[in-house]
C-alpha cells in the first residue's frame, strides 16, 4: 500500500460497487484502497529538513514512534532482511487503517507525508522499508523519499503508484520472484492506469505497458509457501483492467504459522494485523511476490 494504488482504489471501489455489484469487489479490495488526493488536515507540531530542503511536518505521535523505532533498529544488527522486516512491521500491529493518506494529483502539488497515526497498505510498506535502511531521522526521510518516488523526486508523476513499480521502476527496491516461486505462475500483459473503457484511473499519469506474473490462488499450496521467506512482499492480483493488485502486505512466518501482515480496511478490522496466509489468499485471484533487494 504498498495508489494512489494509492489514489484510485477509494474512488474505484465506490463507483464499482454501484455499477458492478455482481462483482465481488469486497473480496478484491479487502485490504487497501487507492488513496485520494485530499489534504491532511491535522496540524503538525514538529519540522525536520530533508536534502531537498523542504519542511517535513511531524505530529507528536509520529515523531515519538519514529524516534523509538530508530532506537530499537540501532540495537539490532540483523543481516537478514526478513528478520528486520519482521521486527519493524510488528511494531505497527494494531495501528488504525486510514485511507487517503498521501497528497498529490495532476492538479494538486505533491507533498511528502509522514504519518504513523494511520496507515493504508502501501504507506505501511513504504515506512517499514525506509526504516529498515535507516538509523537516524534524516536517513529515514531520505530513504522514504527514495522508496516512494522515482529518482527521489517528490512529485505526483514520480510517485510509485503501482505495487510492481517497486520491481520495475528506477531505484529498484525488490525483485519480482513470482515465476520462481511456482511453475504454475501465469503471465499477462497489462496497461497500468488504463480503464476497461479506455479512460485513466489517474488523470495526468501515463499508461504503462507491463507484463504481470501472478500465481493463481488455486495453485498456492505448501510447496509455494515453503519457497516464500519472511519479509517477502505480497500483492493480491486483480483481473481488473489497468491494475496489477488491489492489496499488499508482508509475508511473515510467526509462531502461529505463515501470516499476511497488512493494513486491513475491512470494517471488522480496520487496522494493521496478521491474517493466516493460506486462508486469506485462497479467497483472492492470486498473488504477486516481490523480494526486497539487499
Protein backbone atom coordinates (compact mmCIF):
# COMPACT_ATOMS: atom_id res chain seq x y z
CA UNK A 1 0.00 0.00 0.00
CA UNK A 2 2.35 -0.96 -0.89
CA UNK A 3 -2.40 4.49 -5.45
CA UNK A 4 -2.51 6.04 -5.41
CA UNK A 5 -3.00 2.23 -5.94
CA UNK A 6 -2.77 4.53 -3.63
CA UNK A 7 -5.25 7.18 -5.10
CA UNK A 8 -7.51 5.12 -7.26
CA UNK A 9 -8.83 2.44 -5.00
CA UNK A 10 -11.22 4.54 -2.89
CA UNK A 11 -12.81 6.20 -5.94
CA UNK A 12 -12.84 2.96 -7.88
CA UNK A 13 -14.47 1.00 -5.06
CA UNK A 14 -17.34 3.44 -4.56
CA UNK A 15 -18.04 3.63 -8.27
CA UNK A 16 -17.81 -0.06 -9.00
CA UNK A 17 -19.89 -1.09 -6.01
CA UNK A 18 -22.74 0.88 -7.51
CA UNK A 19 -22.28 -0.22 -11.11
CA UNK A 20 -20.96 -3.75 -10.79
CA UNK A 21 -22.42 -5.12 -7.60
CA UNK A 22 -22.29 -8.60 -9.06
CA UNK A 23 -18.50 -8.42 -8.98
CA UNK A 24 -17.05 -9.37 -5.63
CA UNK A 25 -15.32 -6.09 -5.06
CA UNK A 26 -15.35 -6.67 -1.34
CA UNK A 27 -13.15 -9.71 -1.95
CA UNK A 28 -10.82 -7.95 -4.37
CA UNK A 29 -10.42 -4.89 -2.21
CA UNK A 30 -10.34 -6.48 1.21
CA UNK A 31 -7.38 -4.52 2.40
CA UNK A 32 -6.27 -1.32 0.76
CA UNK A 33 -7.99 1.49 -1.09
CA UNK A 34 -6.32 3.67 -3.69
CA UNK A 35 -5.51 6.88 -1.92
CA UNK A 36 -7.35 10.02 -2.85
CA UNK A 37 -5.60 13.36 -3.08
CA UNK A 38 -7.30 15.02 -0.10
CA UNK A 39 -5.12 17.15 2.11
CA UNK A 40 -4.17 16.03 5.58
CA UNK A 41 -5.99 18.48 7.86
CA UNK A 42 -4.21 17.63 11.10
CA UNK A 43 -1.91 20.34 12.39
CA UNK A 44 1.64 19.00 12.73
CA UNK A 45 3.87 20.01 15.58
CA UNK A 46 7.46 19.35 14.52
CA UNK A 47 9.59 20.02 11.48
CA UNK A 48 12.70 18.45 10.02
CA UNK A 49 14.74 19.25 6.95
CA UNK A 50 15.39 16.89 4.04
CA UNK A 51 18.16 17.04 1.50
CA UNK A 52 15.50 18.51 -0.78
CA UNK A 53 15.36 21.46 1.66
CA UNK A 54 11.62 21.09 2.16
CA UNK A 55 9.94 21.24 5.54
CA UNK A 56 8.67 17.94 6.93
CA UNK A 57 5.87 18.30 9.45
CA UNK A 58 5.57 15.54 12.02
CA UNK A 59 2.83 15.23 14.59
CA UNK A 60 3.99 14.34 18.14
CA UNK A 61 2.83 10.71 17.91
CA UNK A 62 4.71 10.08 14.67
CA UNK A 63 7.86 11.80 15.91
CA UNK A 64 7.86 9.81 19.13
CA UNK A 65 7.22 6.47 17.39
CA UNK A 66 9.85 7.19 14.76
CA UNK A 67 12.42 8.01 17.45
CA UNK A 68 11.56 4.82 19.35
CA UNK A 69 11.75 2.62 16.26
CA UNK A 70 15.07 4.08 15.18
CA UNK A 71 16.47 3.41 18.65
CA UNK A 72 15.24 -0.20 18.51
CA UNK A 73 16.59 -0.52 14.98
CA UNK A 74 20.03 0.65 16.11
CA UNK A 75 20.20 -2.02 18.83
CA UNK A 76 19.92 -4.95 16.42
CA UNK A 77 22.29 -5.91 13.67
CA UNK A 78 20.23 -8.25 11.56
CA UNK A 79 21.92 -9.01 8.27
CA UNK A 80 18.83 -10.99 7.35
CA UNK A 81 16.35 -8.70 5.60
CA UNK A 82 13.40 -10.84 6.62
CA UNK A 83 14.22 -10.63 10.33
CA UNK A 84 14.47 -6.86 10.18
CA UNK A 85 11.20 -6.53 8.29
CA UNK A 86 9.51 -8.87 10.77
CA UNK A 87 10.75 -6.77 13.68
CA UNK A 88 9.80 -3.39 12.26
CA UNK A 89 6.48 -4.43 10.75
CA UNK A 90 5.44 -5.96 14.08
CA UNK A 91 5.80 -2.57 15.76
CA UNK A 92 2.86 -1.28 13.70
CA UNK A 93 0.43 -4.08 14.60
CA UNK A 94 -2.81 -2.55 15.82
CA UNK A 95 -2.24 0.77 14.05
CA UNK A 96 -5.57 2.05 12.68
CA UNK A 97 -6.23 1.69 8.98
CA UNK A 98 -6.68 5.04 7.30
CA UNK A 99 -7.24 5.62 3.59
CA UNK A 100 -6.30 8.69 1.54
CA UNK A 101 -3.02 9.25 3.37
CA UNK A 102 -0.99 10.81 0.57
CA UNK A 103 -1.47 14.21 -1.01
CA UNK A 104 -0.96 14.97 -4.68
CA UNK A 105 -2.63 14.69 -8.08
CA UNK A 106 -2.45 16.11 -11.57
CA UNK A 107 -3.64 19.45 -10.20
CA UNK A 108 -2.60 19.30 -6.54
CA UNK A 109 1.13 19.66 -5.76
CA UNK A 110 2.66 16.54 -4.25
CA UNK A 111 3.55 16.80 -0.58
CA UNK A 112 5.74 14.42 1.39
CA UNK A 113 3.53 12.86 4.06
CA UNK A 114 4.88 11.02 7.10
CA UNK A 115 2.12 9.98 9.48
CA UNK A 116 2.19 6.88 11.68
CA UNK A 117 -1.22 7.56 13.25
CA UNK A 118 -2.98 5.74 10.44
CA UNK A 119 -1.74 3.54 7.61
CA UNK A 120 -3.01 2.12 4.37
CA UNK A 121 -1.40 -0.96 2.88
CA UNK A 122 1.02 0.96 0.65
CA UNK A 123 2.25 3.51 3.16
CA UNK A 124 2.79 0.62 5.58
CA UNK A 125 5.25 -0.95 3.14
CA UNK A 126 6.90 2.42 2.48
CA UNK A 127 7.56 3.12 6.14
CA UNK A 128 8.87 -0.32 7.04
CA UNK A 129 11.24 -0.41 4.07
CA UNK A 130 12.56 3.08 4.80
CA UNK A 131 13.03 2.24 8.49
CA UNK A 132 14.89 -0.94 7.60
CA UNK A 133 17.62 1.10 5.94
CA UNK A 134 17.79 3.92 8.48
CA UNK A 135 19.48 4.69 11.78
CA UNK A 136 18.56 8.40 12.03
CA UNK A 137 15.62 10.66 11.27
CA UNK A 138 17.43 12.24 8.35
CA UNK A 139 18.23 8.84 6.87
CA UNK A 140 14.63 7.75 7.31
CA UNK A 141 13.25 10.77 5.50
CA UNK A 142 15.63 10.42 2.59
CA UNK A 143 15.10 6.66 2.38
CA UNK A 144 11.34 7.19 2.42
CA UNK A 145 11.62 9.64 -0.46
CA UNK A 146 13.72 7.18 -2.46
CA UNK A 147 11.29 4.38 -1.60
CA UNK A 148 8.15 6.27 -2.55
CA UNK A 149 9.41 8.30 -5.51
CA UNK A 150 11.44 7.60 -8.66
CA UNK A 151 14.76 9.48 -8.57
CA UNK A 152 13.88 10.70 -5.07
CA UNK A 153 11.80 13.47 -6.65
CA UNK A 154 8.72 14.31 -4.57
CA UNK A 155 6.33 14.70 -7.47
CA UNK A 156 2.99 13.10 -8.34
CA UNK A 157 4.33 11.74 -11.64
CA UNK A 158 7.37 10.28 -9.88
CA UNK A 159 5.40 8.50 -7.17
CA UNK A 160 5.47 4.70 -7.37
CA UNK A 161 1.73 4.32 -7.72
CA UNK A 162 1.67 0.62 -8.55
CA UNK A 163 2.93 -2.31 -6.48
CA UNK A 164 5.07 -3.69 -9.32
CA UNK A 165 6.78 -0.30 -9.65
CA UNK A 166 8.95 -1.49 -6.77
CA UNK A 167 10.49 -4.07 -9.10
CA UNK A 168 10.41 -2.25 -12.42
CA UNK A 169 10.99 1.45 -11.75
CA UNK A 170 14.34 3.16 -11.23
CA UNK A 171 15.85 2.83 -7.78
CA UNK A 172 14.67 -0.75 -7.84
CA UNK A 173 13.56 -1.85 -4.39
CA UNK A 174 12.72 -5.50 -4.97
CA UNK A 175 12.92 -8.39 -7.42
CA UNK A 176 9.83 -9.96 -8.92
CA UNK A 177 10.30 -13.62 -7.99
CA UNK A 178 6.75 -14.78 -8.70
CA UNK A 179 7.77 -17.10 -11.54
CA UNK A 180 10.49 -18.65 -9.37
CA UNK A 181 8.02 -19.46 -6.61
CA UNK A 182 5.66 -21.53 -8.75
CA UNK A 183 5.83 -23.25 -12.13
CA UNK A 184 2.10 -22.55 -12.38
CA UNK A 185 2.61 -18.80 -12.48
CA UNK A 186 0.65 -17.02 -15.20
CA UNK A 187 1.91 -14.12 -17.31
CA UNK A 188 -0.46 -11.45 -18.59
CA UNK A 189 0.10 -8.15 -20.36
CA UNK A 190 -1.49 -5.15 -18.69
CA UNK A 191 -1.72 -1.44 -19.40
CA UNK A 192 -1.46 0.05 -15.94
CA UNK A 193 -3.66 3.07 -15.30
CA UNK A 194 -5.89 2.33 -18.32
CA UNK A 195 -9.51 1.51 -17.53
CA UNK A 196 -11.53 -1.02 -19.50
CA UNK A 197 -13.48 1.87 -21.04
CA UNK A 198 -10.26 3.50 -22.27
CA UNK A 199 -10.09 6.21 -19.63
CA UNK A 200 -7.41 6.59 -16.98
CA UNK A 201 -7.68 5.94 -13.26
CA UNK A 202 -5.26 8.75 -12.54
CA UNK A 203 -5.51 11.74 -14.89
CA UNK A 204 -2.10 13.02 -15.91
CA UNK A 205 -0.32 9.74 -15.20
CA UNK A 206 0.94 7.93 -18.33
CA UNK A 207 -0.30 4.43 -19.15
CA UNK A 208 2.45 1.85 -18.60
CA UNK A 209 2.59 -1.42 -20.52
CA UNK A 210 3.85 -4.18 -18.22
CA UNK A 211 3.91 -7.96 -18.18
CA UNK A 212 2.44 -9.09 -14.89
CA UNK A 213 3.19 -12.53 -13.46
CA UNK A 214 0.97 -13.97 -10.75
CA UNK A 215 0.25 -17.29 -9.08
CA UNK A 216 -3.45 -18.21 -9.23
CA UNK A 217 -4.81 -18.94 -5.77
CA UNK A 218 -5.74 -22.49 -6.80
CA UNK A 219 -2.02 -23.24 -7.14
CA UNK A 220 -0.92 -21.73 -3.84
CA UNK A 221 0.00 -24.76 -1.74
CA UNK A 222 2.54 -25.89 0.85
CA UNK A 223 5.24 -26.10 -1.81
CA UNK A 224 4.69 -22.45 -2.68
CA UNK A 225 4.58 -21.45 1.00
CA UNK A 226 7.89 -23.21 1.65
CA UNK A 227 9.56 -21.11 -1.04
CA UNK A 228 8.43 -17.84 0.49
CA UNK A 229 10.54 -16.01 3.07
CA UNK A 230 9.63 -13.69 5.91
CA UNK A 231 9.72 -10.16 4.56
CA UNK A 232 8.55 -11.05 1.05
CA UNK A 233 6.12 -8.50 -0.34
CA UNK A 234 2.77 -9.94 -1.37
CA UNK A 235 0.47 -8.25 -3.86
CA UNK A 236 -3.09 -9.52 -4.25
CA UNK A 237 -3.53 -9.81 -8.01
CA UNK A 238 -6.63 -8.41 -9.69
CA UNK A 239 -8.27 -9.25 -13.01
CA UNK A 240 -9.43 -5.66 -13.36
CA UNK A 241 -8.01 -3.87 -16.39
CA UNK A 242 -5.34 -1.29 -15.68
CA UNK A 243 -4.39 -2.51 -12.21
CA UNK A 244 -1.82 -5.03 -11.01
CA UNK A 245 -3.03 -5.57 -7.43
CA UNK A 246 -5.77 -4.46 -5.06
CA UNK A 247 -3.94 -5.03 -1.80
CA UNK A 248 -0.42 -5.56 -0.48
CA UNK A 249 1.27 -6.82 2.67
CA UNK A 250 4.22 -8.73 4.10
CA UNK A 251 4.60 -12.50 4.23
CA UNK A 252 5.70 -13.22 7.80
CA UNK A 253 6.42 -16.57 9.44
CA UNK A 254 5.21 -16.48 13.06
CA UNK A 255 4.84 -18.95 15.91
CA UNK A 256 1.24 -19.31 14.75
CA UNK A 257 2.23 -20.11 11.18
CA UNK A 258 2.62 -18.08 7.98
CA UNK A 259 0.76 -14.77 8.01
CA UNK A 260 -0.11 -11.91 5.72
CA UNK A 261 0.81 -8.87 7.79
CA UNK A 262 -1.14 -5.98 6.35
CA UNK A 263 -3.20 -2.86 6.91
CA UNK A 264 -6.73 -4.17 6.50
CA UNK A 265 -9.61 -1.90 5.52
CA UNK A 266 -12.32 -4.47 6.31
CA UNK A 267 -14.91 -2.95 8.61
CA UNK A 268 -14.42 -5.69 11.19
CA UNK A 269 -10.67 -4.98 11.25
CA UNK A 270 -9.55 -1.53 10.09
CA UNK A 271 -6.06 -1.92 11.49
CA UNK A 272 -2.64 -3.44 10.84
CA UNK A 273 -2.94 -7.13 11.63
CA UNK A 274 -1.79 -10.67 10.90
CA UNK A 275 -4.13 -12.85 8.83
CA UNK A 276 -3.48 -16.58 8.29
CA UNK A 277 -1.83 -16.56 4.89
CA UNK A 278 -3.45 -19.56 3.23
CA UNK A 279 -6.94 -18.62 4.43
CA UNK A 280 -6.54 -15.10 3.12
CA UNK A 281 -5.09 -15.76 -0.34
CA UNK A 282 -7.46 -18.67 -1.03
CA UNK A 283 -10.25 -16.09 -1.43
CA UNK A 284 -8.34 -13.98 -3.95
CA UNK A 285 -7.49 -14.31 -7.67
CA UNK A 286 -3.82 -14.91 -6.82
CA UNK A 287 -0.60 -13.30 -5.67
CA UNK A 288 2.44 -11.45 -6.97
CA UNK A 289 5.62 -11.94 -4.95
CA UNK A 290 8.43 -9.40 -4.67
CA UNK A 291 11.56 -9.94 -2.63
CA UNK A 292 13.40 -6.94 -1.19
CA UNK A 293 16.81 -6.32 -2.72
CA UNK A 294 19.66 -6.40 -0.20
